Amino acid sequence: MRHQMVGDGKISEIAAARDGGVDAQEADGTAVDGKAADGSAADTAERARVLAVCRSNWEYRGIDDASMREMLAELSAHLDEAAAAGRSARDVVGADVKAFAASWARARAPLHQRVLRMAALVPFVLGSVLLIMHLLDRTLALSVEPSRLASYAVIVAGTVILEIRRGALGFRGWLLMGLVGAAIALLTAWLAGDDTLFRLPLWGTLLLMVPGLPYAYADTRARKIRAAAA
């Protein structure tokens, strides 16, 4: 009888240990499933963010709806293939999504379309800066000195570079261009003086902005549509 009780005790201990192991495995499995679910949710969110950034960039660049839908479908297919292979969206587009979108837009958009857009945006940006100077100086004829001319050239060049690379300046881009332009203006004033080169009337400033107005309107409309959709 005593041997039977001991045997029963051993069996109970083995069964308890086995049940404990099963419970531990189930707990580990639940944790792994939870981590996998979190990873899947993060990948889905990252994928949606990449597509949204690319759409916004392409809308800003004036790519037509049909071409943009085709580009988004192709990018979505690439992201799906990467996910199936265990890679993330970042592995496909890189760390800078805006730069990726800009490079793809340059490859897809016709050259003449890009040239026309840039030819319209450069004087528009310059005219916007000059208009601000008119308002700050409260004058209808703006005095243009070498320092101002140099700072305008820097702002326009920076706008072109960032427009080509990223598709939009953004607040930080404008701030950076402003700081660099101010530094160049101070340096030029120290080297060349502040003698007036010519006076620019207000109508001349407004005339510079005219070619870029259609693009500015289209960009504003696209932002409103995106905001309403969000």
Protein backbone atom coordinates (compact mmCIF):
# COMPACT_ATOMS: atom_id res chain seq x y z
CA MET A 1 0.00 0.00 0.00
CA ARG A 2 2.84 2.34 0.90
CA HIS A 3 4.57 1.69 -2.44
CA GLN A 4 1.34 2.41 -4.25
CA MET A 5 0.95 5.76 -2.43
CA VAL A 6 4.52 6.72 -3.25
CA GLY A 7 3.93 5.78 -6.87
CA ASP A 8 0.78 7.80 -6.96
CA GLY A 9 2.67 10.78 -5.52
CA LYS A 10 5.36 10.51 -8.18
CA ILE A 11 2.75 10.32 -10.91
CA SER A 12 1.02 13.41 -9.47
CA GLU A 13 4.33 15.30 -9.41
CA ILE A 14 5.11 14.32 -13.01
CA ALA A 15 1.60 15.33 -14.12
CA ALA A 16 1.89 18.67 -12.32
CA ALA A 17 5.29 19.32 -13.85
CA ARG A 18 3.95 18.42 -17.29
CA ASP A 19 0.93 20.70 -16.83
CA GLY A 20 3.21 23.49 -15.66
CA GLY A 21 5.40 23.06 -18.72
CA VAL A 22 2.40 23.16 -21.00
CA ASP A 23 1.14 26.30 -19.28
CA ALA A 24 4.57 27.91 -19.65
CA GLN A 25 4.71 27.01 -23.33
CA GLU A 26 1.24 28.45 -23.83
CA ALA A 27 2.28 31.62 -22.02
CA ASP A 28 5.42 31.89 -24.16
CA GLY A 29 3.34 31.29 -27.26
CA THR A 30 0.93 34.01 -26.21
CA ALA A 31 3.82 36.42 -25.67
CA VAL A 32 5.32 35.56 -29.06
CA ASP A 33 1.95 36.00 -30.72
CA GLY A 34 1.57 39.35 -28.97
CA LYS A 35 4.98 40.49 -30.17
CA ALA A 36 4.19 39.33 -33.69
CA ALA A 37 0.89 41.19 -33.58
CA ASP A 38 2.64 44.35 -32.37
CA GLY A 39 5.26 43.98 -35.12
CA SER A 40 2.59 43.45 -37.74
CA ALA A 41 0.69 46.53 -36.57
CA ALA A 42 3.87 48.61 -36.66
CA ASP A 43 4.69 47.38 -40.18
CA THR A 44 1.17 48.20 -41.33
CA ALA A 45 1.39 51.70 -39.84
CA GLU A 46 4.79 52.27 -41.44
CA ARG A 47 3.50 51.07 -44.81
CA ALA A 48 0.53 53.45 -44.60
CA ARG A 49 2.83 56.32 -43.64
CA VAL A 50 5.15 55.67 -46.60
CA LEU A 51 2.24 55.61 -49.05
CA ALA A 52 0.77 58.80 -47.54
CA VAL A 53 4.08 60.68 -47.72
CA CYS A 54 4.64 59.59 -51.32
CA ARG A 55 1.11 60.58 -52.32
CA SER A 56 1.52 63.99 -50.71
CA ASN A 57 4.87 64.55 -52.42
CA TRP A 58 3.55 63.52 -55.83
CA GLU A 59 0.45 65.68 -55.46
CA TYR A 60 2.68 68.62 -54.57
CA ARG A 61 4.69 68.03 -57.73
CA GLY A 62 1.56 68.13 -59.87
CA ILE A 63 1.62 64.51 -61.08
CA ASP A 64 -1.71 63.67 -62.67
CA ASP A 65 -4.16 61.36 -60.88
CA ALA A 66 -3.81 58.45 -63.32
CA SER A 67 -0.01 58.40 -63.09
CA MET A 68 -0.14 58.79 -59.31
CA ARG A 69 -2.55 55.86 -58.90
CA GLU A 70 -0.26 53.73 -61.04
CA MET A 71 2.79 54.74 -59.02
CA LEU A 72 1.02 54.06 -55.71
CA ALA A 73 -0.13 50.64 -56.93
CA GLU A 74 3.39 49.75 -58.01
CA LEU A 75 4.89 50.95 -54.73
CA SER A 76 2.22 49.05 -52.77
CA ALA A 77 3.12 45.88 -54.67
CA HIS A 78 6.82 46.38 -53.83
CA LEU A 79 5.97 46.86 -50.17
CA ASP A 80 3.83 43.71 -50.15
CA GLU A 81 6.66 41.69 -51.70
CA ALA A 82 9.08 43.06 -49.13
CA ALA A 83 6.71 42.20 -46.26
CA ALA A 84 6.34 38.65 -47.59
CA ALA A 85 10.13 38.35 -47.58
CA GLY A 86 10.33 39.61 -44.00
CA ARG A 87 11.60 43.08 -44.87
CA SER A 88 10.16 46.39 -43.71
CA ALA A 89 8.95 49.36 -45.73
CA ARG A 90 12.09 51.24 -44.72
CA ASP A 91 14.17 48.56 -46.46
CA VAL A 92 12.37 49.45 -49.70
CA VAL A 93 12.30 53.26 -49.60
CA GLY A 94 15.27 54.00 -47.35
CA ALA A 95 15.46 56.33 -44.37
CA ASP A 96 14.30 59.45 -46.25
CA VAL A 97 10.83 58.78 -47.67
CA LYS A 98 10.53 62.26 -49.21
CA ALA A 99 13.81 61.86 -51.07
CA PHE A 100 12.63 58.48 -52.36
CA ALA A 101 9.33 59.97 -53.54
CA ALA A 102 11.14 62.86 -55.21
CA SER A 103 13.55 60.58 -57.06
CA TRP A 104 10.69 58.40 -58.29
CA ALA A 105 8.73 61.47 -59.38
CA ARG A 106 11.72 62.76 -61.32
CA ALA A 107 12.01 59.41 -63.07
CA ARG A 108 8.32 59.38 -63.98
CA ALA A 109 7.52 63.05 -64.67
CA PRO A 110 8.34 64.37 -68.17
CA LEU A 111 11.37 66.67 -68.36
CA HIS A 112 9.42 69.59 -69.86
CA GLN A 113 6.89 69.41 -67.02
CA ARG A 114 9.61 69.64 -64.40
CA VAL A 115 11.36 72.49 -66.23
CA LEU A 116 8.13 74.49 -66.52
CA ARG A 117 7.32 73.97 -62.85
CA MET A 118 10.78 75.05 -61.73
CA ALA A 119 10.78 78.04 -64.10
CA ALA A 120 7.51 79.19 -62.54
CA LEU A 121 8.35 78.46 -58.90
CA VAL A 122 11.74 80.18 -58.80
CA PRO A 123 10.42 83.69 -59.62
CA PHE A 124 7.38 83.01 -57.43
CA VAL A 125 9.60 82.31 -54.42
CA LEU A 126 11.76 85.33 -55.20
CA GLY A 127 8.69 87.53 -55.64
CA SER A 128 7.27 86.28 -52.31
CA VAL A 129 10.49 87.25 -50.51
CA LEU A 130 10.51 90.66 -52.21
CA LEU A 131 6.85 91.23 -51.32
CA ILE A 132 7.65 90.59 -47.66
CA MET A 133 10.46 93.16 -47.93
CA HIS A 134 8.02 95.68 -49.45
CA LEU A 135 5.69 95.17 -46.51
CA LEU A 136 8.43 95.36 -43.88
CA ASP A 137 9.95 98.51 -45.40
CA ARG A 138 6.47 99.98 -46.12
CA THR A 139 7.52 101.11 -49.57
CA LEU A 140 6.21 100.83 -53.13
CA ALA A 141 9.75 100.89 -54.54
CA LEU A 142 12.18 98.52 -52.85
CA SER A 143 15.86 99.44 -52.71
CA VAL A 144 18.01 96.49 -53.77
CA GLU A 145 21.55 96.48 -52.40
CA PRO A 146 24.30 93.89 -53.03
CA SER A 147 23.59 92.28 -49.65
CA ARG A 148 19.92 91.78 -50.45
CA LEU A 149 20.70 90.55 -53.93
CA ALA A 150 23.10 87.96 -52.52
CA SER A 151 20.60 86.77 -49.92
CA TYR A 152 17.87 86.46 -52.58
CA ALA A 153 20.21 84.40 -54.75
CA VAL A 154 20.93 82.04 -51.84
CA ILE A 155 17.22 81.65 -51.03
CA VAL A 156 16.35 80.92 -54.66
CA ALA A 157 19.22 78.42 -55.04
CA GLY A 158 18.25 76.66 -51.81
CA THR A 159 14.63 76.53 -52.91
CA VAL A 160 15.59 74.92 -56.21
CA ILE A 161 17.83 72.33 -54.53
CA LEU A 162 15.27 71.34 -51.88
CA GLU A 163 12.43 71.40 -54.41
CA ILE A 164 14.30 68.95 -56.63
CA ARG A 165 15.38 66.70 -53.77
CA ARG A 166 12.35 66.65 -51.47
CA GLY A 167 9.46 68.28 -53.32
CA ALA A 168 8.70 70.81 -50.59
CA LEU A 169 10.61 73.17 -48.34
CA GLY A 170 8.52 72.95 -45.19
CA PHE A 171 8.94 75.24 -42.19
CA ARG A 172 12.44 74.03 -41.31
CA GLY A 173 13.54 74.45 -44.92
CA TRP A 174 12.30 78.04 -45.02
CA LEU A 175 13.95 78.76 -41.68
CA LEU A 176 17.25 77.30 -42.86
CA MET A 177 17.13 79.30 -46.10
CA GLY A 178 16.33 82.46 -44.16
CA LEU A 179 19.24 82.01 -41.76
CA VAL A 180 21.72 81.24 -44.53
CA GLY A 181 20.42 84.17 -46.59
CA ALA A 182 20.82 86.53 -43.62
CA ALA A 183 24.39 85.34 -43.04
CA ILE A 184 25.27 85.84 -46.72
CA ALA A 185 23.66 89.30 -46.66
CA LEU A 186 25.82 90.37 -43.70
CA LEU A 187 28.96 89.02 -45.35
CA THR A 188 28.17 90.75 -48.66
CA ALA A 189 27.39 94.06 -46.92
CA TRP A 190 30.75 93.88 -45.16
CA LEU A 191 32.60 93.12 -48.41
CA ALA A 192 30.70 95.23 -50.97
CA GLY A 193 28.91 97.89 -48.93
CA ASP A 194 25.26 98.90 -48.96
CA ASP A 195 25.02 101.14 -52.02
CA THR A 196 21.68 100.83 -53.83
CA LEU A 197 21.98 98.99 -57.14
CA PHE A 198 18.43 99.72 -58.33
CA ARG A 199 14.88 100.23 -57.05
CA LEU A 200 12.25 97.59 -57.72
CA PRO A 201 8.64 98.81 -57.97
CA LEU A 202 5.84 96.84 -56.34
CA TRP A 203 4.30 96.00 -59.71
CA GLY A 204 7.59 94.38 -60.74
CA THR A 205 7.52 92.19 -57.64
CA LEU A 206 3.93 91.13 -58.31
CA LEU A 207 4.81 90.41 -61.93
CA LEU A 208 7.48 87.96 -60.79
CA MET A 209 4.86 85.98 -58.87
CA VAL A 210 2.37 85.61 -61.72
CA PRO A 211 3.88 82.48 -63.41
CA GLY A 212 3.82 80.53 -60.15
CA LEU A 213 0.27 81.40 -59.10
CA PRO A 214 -1.34 78.35 -60.85
CA TYR A 215 1.08 76.01 -59.09
CA ALA A 216 0.51 77.74 -55.75
CA TYR A 217 -3.25 77.42 -56.18
CA ALA A 218 -2.97 73.73 -57.15
CA ASP A 219 -0.73 73.04 -54.14
CA THR A 220 -3.12 74.81 -51.76
CA ARG A 221 -6.09 72.92 -53.19
CA ALA A 222 -4.26 69.58 -52.87
CA ARG A 223 -3.46 70.31 -49.21
CA LYS A 224 -7.10 71.13 -48.47
CA ILE A 225 -8.23 67.89 -50.14
CA ARG A 226 -5.73 65.87 -48.10
CA ALA A 227 -6.82 67.61 -44.89
CA ALA A 228 -10.49 66.93 -45.64
CA ALA A 229 -9.75 63.27 -46.44
CA ALA A 230 -7.82 62.86 -43.21
